[in-house]
Amino acid sequence: MYETYLNNRFTNSLVFYIFLLLLLLVSPFLFVWELVNYARSCFRSKENLSGKVVLITGGSSGLGELMAYEYAKLGAYLVIIARQKPESRLEQVADRARELGSPDVLFMFADVSKVDDCRMFVNETVNHFGRLDHLVCNAGISPLNSINNDVTGFGPVIDINFWGSVYPTHFAIPHLMKTNGKIIVNASSAGVLNPPRYGFYSASKAALISFYESLRFEVSPMITITILTLGYIQTNMITAKYSRNGRLSAKSYFTQDMKDVVPTMAAEPCVKAIVDEIRKGATSITEPRFVKALFLIKYLFPQLHQFYLNMYFPSKNRKLKRDG
């Protein structure tokens, strides 16, 4: 019966607009429901993290570093992972976390894109502490790309951003099952909104969202999965300097910091909000919160989505420098 309507171009469009009209009609009730849920969350009990074991990848800088500090203030044992490189601050981050209240901090240099490294640091965590409660998959890179780049140079984006979360998750699940633990994955709003010049980065984050949305049905209710879809947060990853230094094979970079182009949120309040929501059992977290509205616009009003992308990323800001 339904094929008659959906196979006809006119009636197929008519069905869409009827559904859209119904959504607009019920939107005031959905808005009130969202406010009620937010109010209820303010009074929801929070998980006591004292004595819990938290493993954080990408913990030597940016959001990973700040999340380590926030967990440390709450008395959690920490394991922080980062790649070994000359400028790595991993040991200093571990020392600072101890000062802030973590009873014990284990730090290891490892490459999350290598399955054996991921097996190693998960096993080392459990051998050292005897348990694992939270796995924070934060490691990632965000090089720019354009149609003029050699596409073969972007393999590390998928290896680090996607497999770098999937590998440790695979090895951590048996241990998290025992503790009713949590998996927190930094998937980024780019996986939904697809900003210009972030094609490979957006693709890797979209893959994360799809994978973990599916996985949650397999591990729930024993394990809670929290997917972070963050907007632009003021870390080194949105600076022009990072786009120059972390561009992989892409011979291109932004000429100005993204905070000068689009609305951004400071990193510390963002991390405080994230950890607070994690403790309340949130399954999805979006900061800044207005980005949620952009998700709705993207799918229901794609022309409007294209309009504001062109507004914030005009050709003069999207223009990329080329190396000699």
Protein backbone atom coordinates (compact mmCIF):
# COMPACT_ATOMS: atom_id res chain seq x y z
CA MET A 1 0.00 0.00 0.00
CA TYR A 2 2.72 2.47 1.01
CA GLU A 3 4.71 1.89 -2.18
CA THR A 4 1.96 3.68 -4.11
CA TYR A 5 2.73 6.90 -2.24
CA LEU A 6 6.48 6.56 -1.89
CA ASN A 7 7.18 5.58 -5.50
CA ASN A 8 5.37 8.63 -6.86
CA ARG A 9 7.50 11.77 -6.90
CA PHE A 10 4.69 14.14 -5.91
CA THR A 11 3.17 12.02 -3.15
CA ASN A 12 6.62 11.10 -1.84
CA SER A 13 7.37 14.82 -1.39
CA LEU A 14 3.91 15.39 0.06
CA VAL A 15 4.49 12.76 2.73
CA PHE A 16 7.75 14.47 3.70
CA TYR A 17 6.14 17.89 4.10
CA ILE A 18 3.23 16.43 6.06
CA PHE A 19 5.69 14.83 8.47
CA LEU A 20 7.63 18.11 8.65
CA LEU A 21 4.43 20.02 9.43
CA LEU A 22 3.53 17.54 12.15
CA LEU A 23 7.00 17.92 13.63
CA LEU A 24 6.63 21.70 13.69
CA LEU A 25 3.23 21.37 15.35
CA VAL A 26 4.56 19.16 18.14
CA SER A 27 7.85 21.07 18.47
CA PRO A 28 6.55 23.25 21.38
CA PHE A 29 5.86 20.06 23.33
CA LEU A 30 9.26 18.65 22.40
CA PHE A 31 10.84 21.92 23.56
CA VAL A 32 9.07 21.67 26.91
CA TRP A 33 10.13 18.02 27.17
CA GLU A 34 13.75 19.03 26.60
CA LEU A 35 13.51 21.68 29.33
CA VAL A 36 11.96 19.18 31.74
CA ASN A 37 14.70 16.65 31.06
CA TYR A 38 17.35 19.31 31.56
CA ALA A 39 15.78 20.37 34.87
CA ARG A 40 15.61 16.74 36.01
CA SER A 41 19.26 16.22 35.11
CA CYS A 42 20.24 19.02 37.48
CA PHE A 43 18.98 16.92 40.39
CA ARG A 44 20.19 13.54 39.15
CA SER A 45 22.66 11.75 41.44
CA LYS A 46 26.26 11.70 40.24
CA GLU A 47 28.63 8.76 40.10
CA ASN A 48 31.25 8.76 42.83
CA LEU A 49 34.56 8.54 40.98
CA SER A 50 36.76 8.19 44.05
CA GLY A 51 38.77 5.00 43.63
CA LYS A 52 37.54 4.39 40.07
CA VAL A 53 40.07 3.60 37.32
CA VAL A 54 39.93 5.84 34.23
CA LEU A 55 41.95 5.26 31.05
CA ILE A 56 42.33 8.29 28.75
CA THR A 57 43.90 8.19 25.29
CA GLY A 58 45.34 11.38 23.84
CA GLY A 59 46.01 12.59 27.38
CA SER A 60 49.10 14.75 26.92
CA SER A 61 47.32 17.91 25.73
CA GLY A 62 44.00 19.51 24.85
CA LEU A 63 40.75 17.99 26.09
CA GLY A 64 42.45 14.74 27.12
CA GLU A 65 44.80 16.60 29.46
CA LEU A 66 41.98 18.63 31.00
CA MET A 67 39.79 15.56 31.43
CA ALA A 68 42.66 13.87 33.29
CA TYR A 69 42.80 16.85 35.66
CA GLU A 70 39.03 16.85 36.17
CA TYR A 71 38.97 13.13 36.96
CA ALA A 72 41.98 13.61 39.27
CA LYS A 73 40.11 16.25 41.29
CA LEU A 74 37.39 13.66 41.87
CA GLY A 75 39.81 11.10 43.25
CA ALA A 76 40.02 8.71 40.30
CA TYR A 77 43.02 6.53 39.50
CA LEU A 78 44.31 7.46 36.06
CA VAL A 79 45.98 5.85 33.09
CA ILE A 80 46.93 8.37 30.41
CA ILE A 81 48.16 7.41 26.95
CA ALA A 82 49.90 9.45 24.26
CA ARG A 83 52.28 8.99 21.37
CA GLN A 84 55.95 9.37 22.16
CA LYS A 85 57.34 12.47 20.50
CA PRO A 86 59.95 15.08 21.46
CA GLU A 87 57.42 17.65 22.66
CA SER A 88 55.20 15.19 24.59
CA ARG A 89 54.11 16.52 27.99
CA LEU A 90 52.70 13.22 29.22
CA GLU A 91 54.93 12.92 32.30
CA GLN A 92 54.18 16.50 33.36
CA VAL A 93 50.45 15.87 32.95
CA ALA A 94 50.75 12.79 35.18
CA ASP A 95 52.58 14.80 37.85
CA ARG A 96 49.95 17.55 37.74
CA ALA A 97 47.13 14.99 38.02
CA ARG A 98 48.73 13.57 41.17
CA GLU A 99 48.96 17.07 42.64
CA LEU A 100 45.25 17.63 41.94
CA GLY A 101 44.20 14.55 43.88
CA SER A 102 44.60 11.36 41.86
CA PRO A 103 45.87 8.60 44.21
CA ASP A 104 47.95 7.01 41.45
CA VAL A 105 48.66 7.86 37.81
CA LEU A 106 50.07 5.43 35.28
CA PHE A 107 51.27 6.91 31.99
CA MET A 108 52.32 5.05 28.87
CA PHE A 109 53.52 5.97 25.41
CA ALA A 110 51.59 4.04 22.77
CA ASP A 111 50.18 4.38 19.27
CA VAL A 112 46.40 3.88 19.34
CA SER A 113 46.39 3.05 15.63
CA LYS A 114 48.31 -0.16 16.41
CA VAL A 115 46.20 -3.01 17.74
CA ASP A 116 49.05 -4.55 19.75
CA ASP A 117 49.72 -1.24 21.52
CA CYS A 118 46.05 -0.96 22.47
CA ARG A 119 45.99 -4.52 23.82
CA MET A 120 49.13 -3.72 25.80
CA PHE A 121 47.92 -0.58 27.58
CA VAL A 122 44.49 -2.03 28.42
CA ASN A 123 46.15 -5.14 29.88
CA GLU A 124 48.70 -3.04 31.75
CA THR A 125 45.88 -0.96 33.24
CA VAL A 126 44.07 -4.00 34.59
CA ASN A 127 47.28 -5.66 35.77
CA HIS A 128 48.29 -2.53 37.66
CA PHE A 129 44.93 -1.48 39.17
CA GLY A 130 42.95 -4.71 39.00
CA ARG A 131 39.97 -3.11 37.22
CA LEU A 132 38.81 -0.60 34.63
CA ASP A 133 35.79 1.69 35.09
CA HIS A 134 35.94 4.40 32.40
CA LEU A 135 37.55 4.26 28.97
CA VAL A 136 37.88 7.73 27.42
CA CYS A 137 38.67 7.44 23.70
CA ASN A 138 39.97 10.93 23.03
CA ALA A 139 43.02 10.52 20.77
CA GLY A 140 42.60 12.16 17.39
CA ILE A 141 44.07 14.37 14.68
CA SER A 142 42.34 16.90 12.44
CA PRO A 143 44.33 17.73 9.32
CA LEU A 144 42.81 19.88 6.61
CA ASN A 145 42.27 18.56 3.12
CA SER A 146 41.22 19.76 -0.30
CA ILE A 147 40.49 18.19 -3.66
CA ASN A 148 44.06 19.00 -4.72
CA ASN A 149 45.64 16.82 -2.00
CA ASP A 150 46.94 13.32 -2.51
CA VAL A 151 44.19 11.20 -0.94
CA THR A 152 46.63 8.41 -0.10
CA GLY A 153 48.20 10.62 2.56
CA PHE A 154 45.19 10.60 4.87
CA GLY A 155 45.26 7.00 6.03
CA PRO A 156 46.46 8.03 9.53
CA VAL A 157 43.25 10.07 10.04
CA ILE A 158 41.11 6.94 9.87
CA ASP A 159 43.70 4.82 11.67
CA ILE A 160 43.96 7.18 14.66
CA ASN A 161 40.48 8.72 14.83
CA PHE A 162 38.46 5.56 14.13
CA TRP A 163 40.57 2.45 14.82
CA GLY A 164 42.33 4.32 17.63
CA SER A 165 39.02 4.23 19.51
CA VAL A 166 37.72 0.85 18.31
CA TYR A 167 40.87 -1.11 19.21
CA PRO A 168 41.03 -0.11 22.92
CA THR A 169 37.25 -0.47 23.16
CA HIS A 170 37.50 -4.08 21.94
CA PHE A 171 40.03 -5.00 24.61
CA ALA A 172 38.35 -2.97 27.36
CA ILE A 173 34.81 -4.35 27.02
CA PRO A 174 35.36 -7.57 29.04
CA HIS A 175 36.77 -5.53 31.94
CA LEU A 176 34.11 -2.82 31.73
CA MET A 177 31.41 -5.50 31.82
CA LYS A 178 32.66 -6.53 35.27
CA THR A 179 32.44 -2.99 36.68
CA ASN A 180 29.34 -1.70 34.87
CA GLY A 181 31.74 0.76 33.34
CA LYS A 182 31.52 3.49 30.76
CA ILE A 183 32.98 4.22 27.34
CA ILE A 184 33.34 7.88 26.43
CA VAL A 185 34.18 8.59 22.80
CA ASN A 186 35.09 11.99 21.39
CA ALA A 187 33.26 11.85 18.06
CA SER A 188 32.89 15.59 17.23
CA SER A 189 30.00 17.52 15.69
CA ALA A 190 32.02 17.51 12.45
CA GLY A 191 30.78 13.96 11.98
CA VAL A 192 27.30 15.43 11.48
CA LEU A 193 27.82 18.97 10.19
CA ASN A 194 30.71 18.32 7.73
CA PRO A 195 32.51 21.70 7.75
CA PRO A 196 34.60 22.64 4.69
CA ARG A 197 38.16 21.30 4.42
CA TYR A 198 37.55 18.64 7.08
CA GLY A 199 36.37 15.86 4.76
CA PHE A 200 38.56 13.03 6.08
CA TYR A 201 38.26 14.20 9.68
CA SER A 202 34.46 14.41 9.38
CA ALA A 203 34.32 10.97 7.77
CA SER A 204 36.34 9.43 10.62
CA LYS A 205 34.08 11.03 13.24
CA ALA A 206 30.89 10.02 11.41
CA ALA A 207 32.20 6.45 11.45
CA LEU A 208 32.71 6.70 15.21
CA ILE A 209 29.15 7.91 15.76
CA SER A 210 27.70 5.07 13.68
CA PHE A 211 29.89 2.42 15.29
CA TYR A 212 29.20 3.39 18.89
CA GLU A 213 25.49 4.03 18.35
CA SER A 214 25.28 0.45 17.12
CA LEU A 215 27.57 -0.93 19.81
CA ARG A 216 25.51 0.52 22.65
CA PHE A 217 22.68 -1.91 21.87
CA GLU A 218 25.08 -4.83 22.30
CA VAL A 219 26.64 -3.78 25.61
CA SER A 220 23.73 -2.00 27.34
CA PRO A 221 22.83 -1.98 30.21
CA MET A 222 26.12 -3.40 31.50
CA ILE A 223 28.18 -0.66 29.84
CA THR A 224 27.10 2.93 29.24
CA ILE A 225 28.38 4.55 26.05
CA THR A 226 28.64 8.35 25.97
CA ILE A 227 29.19 9.95 22.57
CA LEU A 228 30.63 13.48 22.55
CA THR A 229 29.66 15.63 19.57
CA LEU A 230 31.54 18.80 20.40
CA GLY A 231 31.64 21.99 18.39
CA TYR A 232 34.71 24.20 18.14
CA ILE A 233 36.50 24.10 21.50
CA GLN A 234 39.46 26.38 22.22
CA THR A 235 42.32 23.90 22.05
CA ASN A 236 45.45 23.81 19.92
CA MET A 237 43.58 21.76 17.28
CA ILE A 238 41.66 24.80 16.00
CA THR A 239 44.67 27.06 15.64
CA ALA A 240 46.42 28.02 12.43
CA LYS A 241 49.67 26.77 13.95
CA TYR A 242 48.23 23.27 14.43
CA SER A 243 46.95 23.17 10.85
CA ARG A 244 50.49 23.93 9.69
CA ASN A 245 52.24 21.41 11.94
CA GLY A 246 49.67 18.61 11.80
CA ARG A 247 48.75 18.62 8.12
CA LEU A 248 50.14 15.15 7.20
CA SER A 249 50.47 15.07 3.40
CA ALA A 250 48.12 18.01 2.96
CA LYS A 251 50.19 20.90 1.67
CA SER A 252 47.69 23.40 3.09
CA TYR A 253 46.61 25.22 6.24
CA PHE A 254 44.32 27.88 7.65
CA THR A 255 45.66 31.41 7.77
CA GLN A 256 43.89 32.30 11.04
CA ASP A 257 42.67 30.62 14.22
CA MET A 258 39.16 29.17 14.01
CA LYS A 259 38.09 31.12 17.12
CA ASP A 260 38.37 34.25 14.96
CA VAL A 261 35.99 32.75 12.39
CA VAL A 262 33.31 30.76 14.23
CA PRO A 263 31.77 30.74 17.76
CA THR A 264 33.96 28.70 20.10
CA MET A 265 33.78 27.50 23.71
CA ALA A 266 36.62 27.63 26.23
CA ALA A 267 38.11 24.21 26.95
CA GLU A 268 37.94 24.17 30.78
CA PRO A 269 34.18 24.83 31.17
CA CYS A 270 33.57 22.39 28.34
CA VAL A 271 35.46 19.61 30.13
CA LYS A 272 33.74 20.37 33.45
CA ALA A 273 30.37 20.07 31.73
CA ILE A 274 31.41 16.82 30.02
CA VAL A 275 32.62 15.08 33.19
CA ASP A 276 29.57 16.31 35.10
CA GLU A 277 27.22 14.82 32.49
CA ILE A 278 29.22 11.59 32.34
CA ARG A 279 28.77 11.19 36.09
CA LYS A 280 25.01 11.60 35.62
CA GLY A 281 24.95 8.79 33.06
CA ALA A 282 24.45 10.87 29.91
CA THR A 283 24.59 8.87 26.68
CA SER A 284 25.24 11.85 24.40
CA ILE A 285 26.84 15.21 25.15
CA THR A 286 27.00 18.21 22.84
CA GLU A 287 28.91 21.35 23.78
CA PRO A 288 28.31 24.20 23.13
CA ARG A 289 24.66 23.20 23.48
CA PHE A 290 23.46 25.37 20.57
CA VAL A 291 25.19 22.92 18.21
CA LYS A 292 22.27 20.53 18.80
CA ALA A 293 20.04 22.96 16.92
CA LEU A 294 22.47 22.87 14.00
CA PHE A 295 22.03 19.09 13.77
CA LEU A 296 18.30 19.58 13.30
CA ILE A 297 18.82 22.29 10.69
CA LYS A 298 21.31 20.11 8.81
CA TYR A 299 18.78 17.35 8.19
CA LEU A 300 15.52 19.29 7.89
CA PHE A 301 16.72 22.48 6.20
CA PRO A 302 19.87 21.61 4.22
CA GLN A 303 19.80 24.87 2.25
CA LEU A 304 19.95 26.84 5.49
CA HIS A 305 22.84 24.64 6.62
CA GLN A 306 24.72 25.48 3.42
CA PHE A 307 23.94 29.17 3.94
CA TYR A 308 25.52 29.48 7.38
CA LEU A 309 28.52 27.36 6.36
CA ASN A 310 29.12 29.79 3.51
CA MET A 311 28.64 32.68 5.94
CA TYR A 312 31.22 31.42 8.45
CA PHE A 313 33.55 29.89 5.85
CA PRO A 314 33.53 32.37 2.97
CA SER A 315 36.01 31.76 0.17
CA LYS A 316 38.55 34.18 1.66
CA ASN A 317 38.64 32.15 4.90
CA ARG A 318 38.58 28.79 3.16
CA LYS A 319 41.44 29.76 0.88
CA LEU A 320 44.43 27.59 1.71
CA LYS A 321 48.05 28.42 1.40
CA ARG A 322 50.16 26.11 -0.73
CA ASP A 323 53.69 25.07 0.11
CA GLY A 324 56.33 26.22 -2.28
